[in-house]
């Protein structure tokens, strides 16, 4: 059984990484990019979710791609910096979670944020490129079969703890399980619509579809 052991460096990285990761995650890329491109505020238009899918529907591919990139960087950067100082899985697990929590519950935007998928992708990439690759392949596969962005994200994230059991140090599994639960919780409206047959499929040509 692995014990939890921290040295001074771990404690310092944990403190700085947790606060810094949460604050960085709290910067809403979707809101800022929509403001930059003079698009409707994604909190009050479309699906009312400040995330990549809603920006795609409101403004098209380029603003959405920028949103995806910025949100992924938010997830990757804190973990990349932390890995320069420590390889402690418990420390890195916490720092993996904090930007996603910031994105979901941003202190700068009244704790009303997005669903965390793009930020999770960035964190997974920094943690393990092969694991991130499997996440993306799962998302793409489900999306090709169904056309539902939300269902693709849900299935991909639900599979992550199982894949991590095979590919990573087992000490990362609790964080990935918690990450999956948080994303499922943030998708509760999507789950309701999926079960009711009311969820909209994602079109890369449309800017006005309403559900993400």
C-alpha atoms as a PDB file:
ATOM      1  CA  UNK A   1       0.000   0.000   0.000  1.00  0.00           C
ATOM      2  CA  UNK A   2       1.382   3.406  -0.975  1.00  0.00           C
ATOM      3  CA  UNK A   3       1.728   5.905   1.850  1.00  0.00           C
ATOM      4  CA  UNK A   4       1.297   9.636   1.496  1.00  0.00           C
ATOM      5  CA  UNK A   5       4.655  11.317   2.089  1.00  0.00           C
ATOM      6  CA  UNK A   6       5.427  15.011   1.506  1.00  0.00           C
ATOM      7  CA  UNK A   7       8.732  16.817   1.730  1.00  0.00           C
ATOM      8  CA  UNK A   8       9.209  20.585   1.907  1.00  0.00           C
ATOM      9  CA  UNK A   9       9.331  20.940  -1.860  1.00  0.00           C
ATOM     10  CA  UNK A  10       6.111  18.953  -2.219  1.00  0.00           C
ATOM     11  CA  UNK A  11       4.367  21.177   0.317  1.00  0.00           C
ATOM     12  CA  UNK A  12       5.532  24.326  -1.456  1.00  0.00           C
ATOM     13  CA  UNK A  13       4.506  23.039  -4.897  1.00  0.00           C
ATOM     14  CA  UNK A  14       1.158  21.899  -3.515  1.00  0.00           C
ATOM     15  CA  UNK A  15       0.449  25.302  -1.969  1.00  0.00           C
ATOM     16  CA  UNK A  16       1.484  27.406  -4.955  1.00  0.00           C
ATOM     17  CA  UNK A  17       0.095  24.987  -7.523  1.00  0.00           C
ATOM     18  CA  UNK A  18      -3.284  24.694  -5.847  1.00  0.00           C
ATOM     19  CA  UNK A  19      -3.856  28.432  -5.530  1.00  0.00           C
ATOM     20  CA  UNK A  20      -2.275  29.280  -8.879  1.00  0.00           C
ATOM     21  CA  UNK A  21      -4.074  26.470 -10.686  1.00  0.00           C
ATOM     22  CA  UNK A  22      -7.450  27.478  -9.303  1.00  0.00           C
ATOM     23  CA  UNK A  23      -6.965  31.168 -10.145  1.00  0.00           C
ATOM     24  CA  UNK A  24      -5.758  30.353 -13.657  1.00  0.00           C
ATOM     25  CA  UNK A  25      -8.710  28.026 -14.148  1.00  0.00           C
ATOM     26  CA  UNK A  26     -11.046  30.808 -13.009  1.00  0.00           C
ATOM     27  CA  UNK A  27     -10.140  32.922 -16.055  1.00  0.00           C
ATOM     28  CA  UNK A  28     -13.000  32.155 -18.461  1.00  0.00           C
ATOM     29  CA  UNK A  29     -11.602  31.827 -21.971  1.00  0.00           C
ATOM     30  CA  UNK A  30     -15.087  31.591 -23.483  1.00  0.00           C
ATOM     31  CA  UNK A  31     -16.267  34.864 -21.952  1.00  0.00           C
ATOM     32  CA  UNK A  32     -13.103  36.763 -22.871  1.00  0.00           C
ATOM     33  CA  UNK A  33     -12.967  35.427 -26.432  1.00  0.00           C
ATOM     34  CA  UNK A  34     -16.641  36.175 -27.012  1.00  0.00           C
ATOM     35  CA  UNK A  35     -15.997  39.713 -25.766  1.00  0.00           C
ATOM     36  CA  UNK A  36     -12.971  39.998 -28.074  1.00  0.00           C
ATOM     37  CA  UNK A  37     -14.961  38.857 -31.120  1.00  0.00           C
ATOM     38  CA  UNK A  38     -18.038  40.890 -30.108  1.00  0.00           C
ATOM     39  CA  UNK A  39     -20.148  37.776 -29.721  1.00  0.00           C
ATOM     40  CA  UNK A  40     -22.995  37.320 -27.228  1.00  0.00           C
ATOM     41  CA  UNK A  41     -21.958  36.530 -23.675  1.00  0.00           C
ATOM     42  CA  UNK A  42     -21.927  32.693 -23.576  1.00  0.00           C
ATOM     43  CA  UNK A  43     -23.371  32.761 -20.059  1.00  0.00           C
ATOM     44  CA  UNK A  44     -26.591  34.294 -21.358  1.00  0.00           C
ATOM     45  CA  UNK A  45     -26.817  33.083 -24.976  1.00  0.00           C
ATOM     46  CA  UNK A  46     -27.056  29.707 -26.667  1.00  0.00           C
ATOM     47  CA  UNK A  47     -26.800  26.970 -24.073  1.00  0.00           C
ATOM     48  CA  UNK A  48     -25.713  29.554 -21.465  1.00  0.00           C
ATOM     49  CA  UNK A  49     -22.538  27.548 -20.869  1.00  0.00           C
ATOM     50  CA  UNK A  50     -19.149  29.326 -21.135  1.00  0.00           C
ATOM     51  CA  UNK A  51     -17.399  26.578 -23.025  1.00  0.00           C
ATOM     52  CA  UNK A  52     -16.042  25.573 -26.421  1.00  0.00           C
ATOM     53  CA  UNK A  53     -19.233  23.989 -27.755  1.00  0.00           C
ATOM     54  CA  UNK A  54     -21.336  27.037 -27.004  1.00  0.00           C
ATOM     55  CA  UNK A  55     -18.733  29.384 -28.525  1.00  0.00           C
ATOM     56  CA  UNK A  56     -18.786  27.211 -31.651  1.00  0.00           C
ATOM     57  CA  UNK A  57     -22.509  27.685 -31.934  1.00  0.00           C
ATOM     58  CA  UNK A  58     -22.372  31.402 -31.208  1.00  0.00           C
ATOM     59  CA  UNK A  59     -19.340  32.398 -33.242  1.00  0.00           C
ATOM     60  CA  UNK A  60     -18.067  29.573 -35.416  1.00  0.00           C
ATOM     61  CA  UNK A  61     -14.917  27.509 -35.643  1.00  0.00           C
ATOM     62  CA  UNK A  62     -12.142  30.039 -35.071  1.00  0.00           C
ATOM     63  CA  UNK A  63     -13.382  31.528 -31.758  1.00  0.00           C
ATOM     64  CA  UNK A  64     -14.248  28.001 -30.610  1.00  0.00           C
ATOM     65  CA  UNK A  65     -10.757  26.733 -31.469  1.00  0.00           C
ATOM     66  CA  UNK A  66      -9.189  29.591 -29.500  1.00  0.00           C
ATOM     67  CA  UNK A  67     -11.444  28.815 -26.552  1.00  0.00           C
ATOM     68  CA  UNK A  68     -10.494  25.139 -26.673  1.00  0.00           C
ATOM     69  CA  UNK A  69      -6.789  25.988 -26.839  1.00  0.00           C
ATOM     70  CA  UNK A  70      -6.901  28.493 -23.974  1.00  0.00           C
ATOM     71  CA  UNK A  71      -8.956  26.187 -21.760  1.00  0.00           C
ATOM     72  CA  UNK A  72      -6.588  23.294 -22.450  1.00  0.00           C
ATOM     73  CA  UNK A  73      -3.554  25.468 -21.605  1.00  0.00           C
ATOM     74  CA  UNK A  74      -5.220  26.341 -18.288  1.00  0.00           C
ATOM     75  CA  UNK A  75      -5.321  22.657 -17.441  1.00  0.00           C
ATOM     76  CA  UNK A  76      -1.856  21.792 -18.710  1.00  0.00           C
ATOM     77  CA  UNK A  77       0.307  24.668 -17.491  1.00  0.00           C
ATOM     78  CA  UNK A  78       0.016  24.237 -13.691  1.00  0.00           C
ATOM     79  CA  UNK A  79       0.740  20.518 -13.939  1.00  0.00           C
ATOM     80  CA  UNK A  80       3.658  21.001 -16.331  1.00  0.00           C
ATOM     81  CA  UNK A  81       5.251  23.515 -13.983  1.00  0.00           C
ATOM     82  CA  UNK A  82       4.628  21.321 -10.942  1.00  0.00           C
ATOM     83  CA  UNK A  83       6.261  18.325 -12.635  1.00  0.00           C
ATOM     84  CA  UNK A  84       9.459  20.368 -12.967  1.00  0.00           C
ATOM     85  CA  UNK A  85       9.722  20.379  -9.169  1.00  0.00           C
ATOM     86  CA  UNK A  86       8.131  17.127  -7.992  1.00  0.00           C
ATOM     87  CA  UNK A  87       6.974  13.731  -9.215  1.00  0.00           C
ATOM     88  CA  UNK A  88       4.830  13.040  -6.149  1.00  0.00           C
ATOM     89  CA  UNK A  89       1.574  11.576  -7.529  1.00  0.00           C
ATOM     90  CA  UNK A  90      -0.494  12.920  -4.633  1.00  0.00           C
ATOM     91  CA  UNK A  91       0.718  16.476  -5.242  1.00  0.00           C
ATOM     92  CA  UNK A  92       0.245  16.217  -8.993  1.00  0.00           C
ATOM     93  CA  UNK A  93      -3.224  14.737  -8.520  1.00  0.00           C
ATOM     94  CA  UNK A  94      -4.367  17.789  -6.572  1.00  0.00           C
ATOM     95  CA  UNK A  95      -2.845  20.171  -9.112  1.00  0.00           C
ATOM     96  CA  UNK A  96      -4.583  18.240 -11.912  1.00  0.00           C
ATOM     97  CA  UNK A  97      -7.914  18.981 -10.238  1.00  0.00           C
ATOM     98  CA  UNK A  98      -7.550  22.649  -9.285  1.00  0.00           C
ATOM     99  CA  UNK A  99      -7.681  24.307 -12.750  1.00  0.00           C
ATOM    100  CA  UNK A 100     -10.751  22.217 -13.576  1.00  0.00           C
ATOM    101  CA  UNK A 101     -12.399  23.323 -10.343  1.00  0.00           C
ATOM    102  CA  UNK A 102     -11.494  26.921 -11.189  1.00  0.00           C
ATOM    103  CA  UNK A 103     -13.028  26.544 -14.644  1.00  0.00           C
ATOM    104  CA  UNK A 104     -16.200  25.034 -13.214  1.00  0.00           C
ATOM    105  CA  UNK A 105     -16.504  27.412 -10.253  1.00  0.00           C
ATOM    106  CA  UNK A 106     -14.536  30.562 -11.193  1.00  0.00           C
ATOM    107  CA  UNK A 107     -13.986  33.085  -8.434  1.00  0.00           C
ATOM    108  CA  UNK A 108     -13.855  35.888 -11.033  1.00  0.00           C
ATOM    109  CA  UNK A 109     -17.307  35.066 -12.475  1.00  0.00           C
ATOM    110  CA  UNK A 110     -19.480  34.427  -9.401  1.00  0.00           C
ATOM    111  CA  UNK A 111     -18.543  30.715  -9.329  1.00  0.00           C
ATOM    112  CA  UNK A 112     -20.601  30.036 -12.486  1.00  0.00           C
ATOM    113  CA  UNK A 113     -18.341  28.412 -15.042  1.00  0.00           C
ATOM    114  CA  UNK A 114     -18.125  25.771 -17.727  1.00  0.00           C
ATOM    115  CA  UNK A 115     -18.157  22.001 -17.646  1.00  0.00           C
ATOM    116  CA  UNK A 116     -14.409  21.426 -17.549  1.00  0.00           C
ATOM    117  CA  UNK A 117     -13.879  19.085 -20.492  1.00  0.00           C
ATOM    118  CA  UNK A 118     -11.310  21.159 -22.421  1.00  0.00           C
ATOM    119  CA  UNK A 119      -9.416  22.013 -19.220  1.00  0.00           C
ATOM    120  CA  UNK A 120      -9.410  18.318 -18.345  1.00  0.00           C
ATOM    121  CA  UNK A 121      -7.948  17.512 -21.773  1.00  0.00           C
ATOM    122  CA  UNK A 122      -5.058  19.894 -21.085  1.00  0.00           C
ATOM    123  CA  UNK A 123      -4.454  18.382 -17.667  1.00  0.00           C
ATOM    124  CA  UNK A 124      -4.506  14.847 -19.049  1.00  0.00           C
ATOM    125  CA  UNK A 125      -2.047  15.837 -21.769  1.00  0.00           C
ATOM    126  CA  UNK A 126       0.371  17.186 -19.153  1.00  0.00           C
ATOM    127  CA  UNK A 127      -0.137  14.122 -16.977  1.00  0.00           C
ATOM    128  CA  UNK A 128       0.098  11.427 -19.667  1.00  0.00           C
ATOM    129  CA  UNK A 129      -0.024  11.990 -23.426  1.00  0.00           C
ATOM    130  CA  UNK A 130      -1.127   8.372 -24.120  1.00  0.00           C
ATOM    131  CA  UNK A 131      -3.986   8.674 -21.611  1.00  0.00           C
ATOM    132  CA  UNK A 132      -5.037  11.972 -23.185  1.00  0.00           C
ATOM    133  CA  UNK A 133      -4.877  10.328 -26.603  1.00  0.00           C
ATOM    134  CA  UNK A 134      -7.235   7.561 -25.491  1.00  0.00           C
ATOM    135  CA  UNK A 135      -9.601  10.182 -24.053  1.00  0.00           C
ATOM    136  CA  UNK A 136      -9.667  12.037 -27.380  1.00  0.00           C
ATOM    137  CA  UNK A 137     -10.066   8.862 -29.441  1.00  0.00           C
ATOM    138  CA  UNK A 138     -12.985   7.799 -27.238  1.00  0.00           C
ATOM    139  CA  UNK A 139     -14.588  11.237 -27.589  1.00  0.00           C
ATOM    140  CA  UNK A 140     -14.153  11.214 -31.372  1.00  0.00           C
ATOM    141  CA  UNK A 141     -15.440   7.657 -31.719  1.00  0.00           C
ATOM    142  CA  UNK A 142     -18.592   8.295 -29.706  1.00  0.00           C
ATOM    143  CA  UNK A 143     -19.165  11.593 -31.491  1.00  0.00           C
ATOM    144  CA  UNK A 144     -18.898   9.978 -34.925  1.00  0.00           C
ATOM    145  CA  UNK A 145     -21.430   7.342 -33.872  1.00  0.00           C
ATOM    146  CA  UNK A 146     -23.906   9.665 -32.125  1.00  0.00           C
ATOM    147  CA  UNK A 147     -23.254  13.327 -32.959  1.00  0.00           C
ATOM    148  CA  UNK A 148     -23.663  14.267 -29.290  1.00  0.00           C
ATOM    149  CA  UNK A 149     -20.789  16.310 -27.841  1.00  0.00           C
ATOM    150  CA  UNK A 150     -22.035  15.886 -24.275  1.00  0.00           C
ATOM    151  CA  UNK A 151     -22.413  12.091 -24.522  1.00  0.00           C
ATOM    152  CA  UNK A 152     -18.955  11.831 -26.074  1.00  0.00           C
ATOM    153  CA  UNK A 153     -17.415  13.748 -23.156  1.00  0.00           C
ATOM    154  CA  UNK A 154     -19.299  11.728 -20.565  1.00  0.00           C
ATOM    155  CA  UNK A 155     -18.298   8.341 -21.947  1.00  0.00           C
ATOM    156  CA  UNK A 156     -14.689   9.439 -22.452  1.00  0.00           C
ATOM    157  CA  UNK A 157     -14.328  10.703 -18.879  1.00  0.00           C
ATOM    158  CA  UNK A 158     -16.100   7.684 -17.377  1.00  0.00           C
ATOM    159  CA  UNK A 159     -13.530   5.434 -19.094  1.00  0.00           C
ATOM    160  CA  UNK A 160     -10.532   7.377 -17.764  1.00  0.00           C
ATOM    161  CA  UNK A 161     -10.171   5.790 -14.296  1.00  0.00           C
ATOM    162  CA  UNK A 162     -10.194   2.337 -15.886  1.00  0.00           C
ATOM    163  CA  UNK A 163      -7.560   3.245 -18.449  1.00  0.00           C
ATOM    164  CA  UNK A 164      -5.470   4.957 -15.772  1.00  0.00           C
ATOM    165  CA  UNK A 165      -5.457   1.708 -13.773  1.00  0.00           C
ATOM    166  CA  UNK A 166      -3.599   0.112 -16.677  1.00  0.00           C
ATOM    167  CA  UNK A 167      -1.403   3.031 -17.735  1.00  0.00           C
ATOM    168  CA  UNK A 168      -0.553   5.131 -14.654  1.00  0.00           C
ATOM    169  CA  UNK A 169       0.550   4.946 -11.048  1.00  0.00           C
ATOM    170  CA  UNK A 170      -2.544   3.822  -9.128  1.00  0.00           C
ATOM    171  CA  UNK A 171      -2.223   6.833  -6.835  1.00  0.00           C
ATOM    172  CA  UNK A 172      -3.685   8.992  -9.635  1.00  0.00           C
ATOM    173  CA  UNK A 173      -6.915   7.011  -9.743  1.00  0.00           C
ATOM    174  CA  UNK A 174      -8.754   8.823  -6.872  1.00  0.00           C
ATOM    175  CA  UNK A 175      -8.212  12.194  -8.578  1.00  0.00           C
ATOM    176  CA  UNK A 176      -9.404  10.867 -11.926  1.00  0.00           C
ATOM    177  CA  UNK A 177     -12.494   9.324 -10.322  1.00  0.00           C
ATOM    178  CA  UNK A 178     -13.265  12.646  -8.622  1.00  0.00           C
ATOM    179  CA  UNK A 179     -12.667  14.457 -11.912  1.00  0.00           C
ATOM    180  CA  UNK A 180     -15.124  12.132 -13.657  1.00  0.00           C
ATOM    181  CA  UNK A 181     -17.745  12.692 -10.942  1.00  0.00           C
ATOM    182  CA  UNK A 182     -17.371  16.484 -11.191  1.00  0.00           C
ATOM    183  CA  UNK A 183     -17.804  16.448 -14.971  1.00  0.00           C
ATOM    184  CA  UNK A 184     -20.812  14.135 -14.719  1.00  0.00           C
ATOM    185  CA  UNK A 185     -22.330  16.503 -12.140  1.00  0.00           C
ATOM    186  CA  UNK A 186     -21.779  19.521 -14.398  1.00  0.00           C
ATOM    187  CA  UNK A 187     -23.470  17.646 -17.254  1.00  0.00           C
ATOM    188  CA  UNK A 188     -26.630  16.857 -15.279  1.00  0.00           C
ATOM    189  CA  UNK A 189     -28.822  18.926 -17.605  1.00  0.00           C
ATOM    190  CA  UNK A 190     -27.303  17.224 -20.646  1.00  0.00           C
ATOM    191  CA  UNK A 191     -27.956  13.833 -19.068  1.00  0.00           C
ATOM    192  CA  UNK A 192     -31.579  14.790 -18.453  1.00  0.00           C
ATOM    193  CA  UNK A 193     -31.979  15.914 -22.064  1.00  0.00           C
ATOM    194  CA  UNK A 194     -30.255  12.790 -23.395  1.00  0.00           C
ATOM    195  CA  UNK A 195     -32.607  10.567 -21.424  1.00  0.00           C
ATOM    196  CA  UNK A 196     -35.602  12.599 -22.616  1.00  0.00           C
ATOM    197  CA  UNK A 197     -34.418  12.558 -26.233  1.00  0.00           C
ATOM    198  CA  UNK A 198     -34.161  16.360 -26.244  1.00  0.00           C
ATOM    199  CA  UNK A 199     -30.393  16.851 -26.526  1.00  0.00           C
ATOM    200  CA  UNK A 200     -29.240  18.684 -29.656  1.00  0.00           C
ATOM    201  CA  UNK A 201     -26.557  17.184 -31.846  1.00  0.00           C
ATOM    202  CA  UNK A 202     -23.521  19.320 -32.575  1.00  0.00           C
ATOM    203  CA  UNK A 203     -23.248  20.854 -36.029  1.00  0.00           C
ATOM    204  CA  UNK A 204     -20.001  22.506 -37.103  1.00  0.00           C
ATOM    205  CA  UNK A 205     -21.938  24.635 -39.548  1.00  0.00           C
ATOM    206  CA  UNK A 206     -24.471  26.104 -37.164  1.00  0.00           C
ATOM    207  CA  UNK A 207     -24.015  29.030 -34.802  1.00  0.00           C
ATOM    208  CA  UNK A 208     -27.459  29.026 -33.272  1.00  0.00           C
ATOM    209  CA  UNK A 209     -28.120  25.581 -31.862  1.00  0.00           C
ATOM    210  CA  UNK A 210     -28.997  25.923 -28.213  1.00  0.00           C
ATOM    211  CA  UNK A 211     -27.865  22.957 -26.147  1.00  0.00           C
ATOM    212  CA  UNK A 212     -24.293  21.929 -25.387  1.00  0.00           C
END
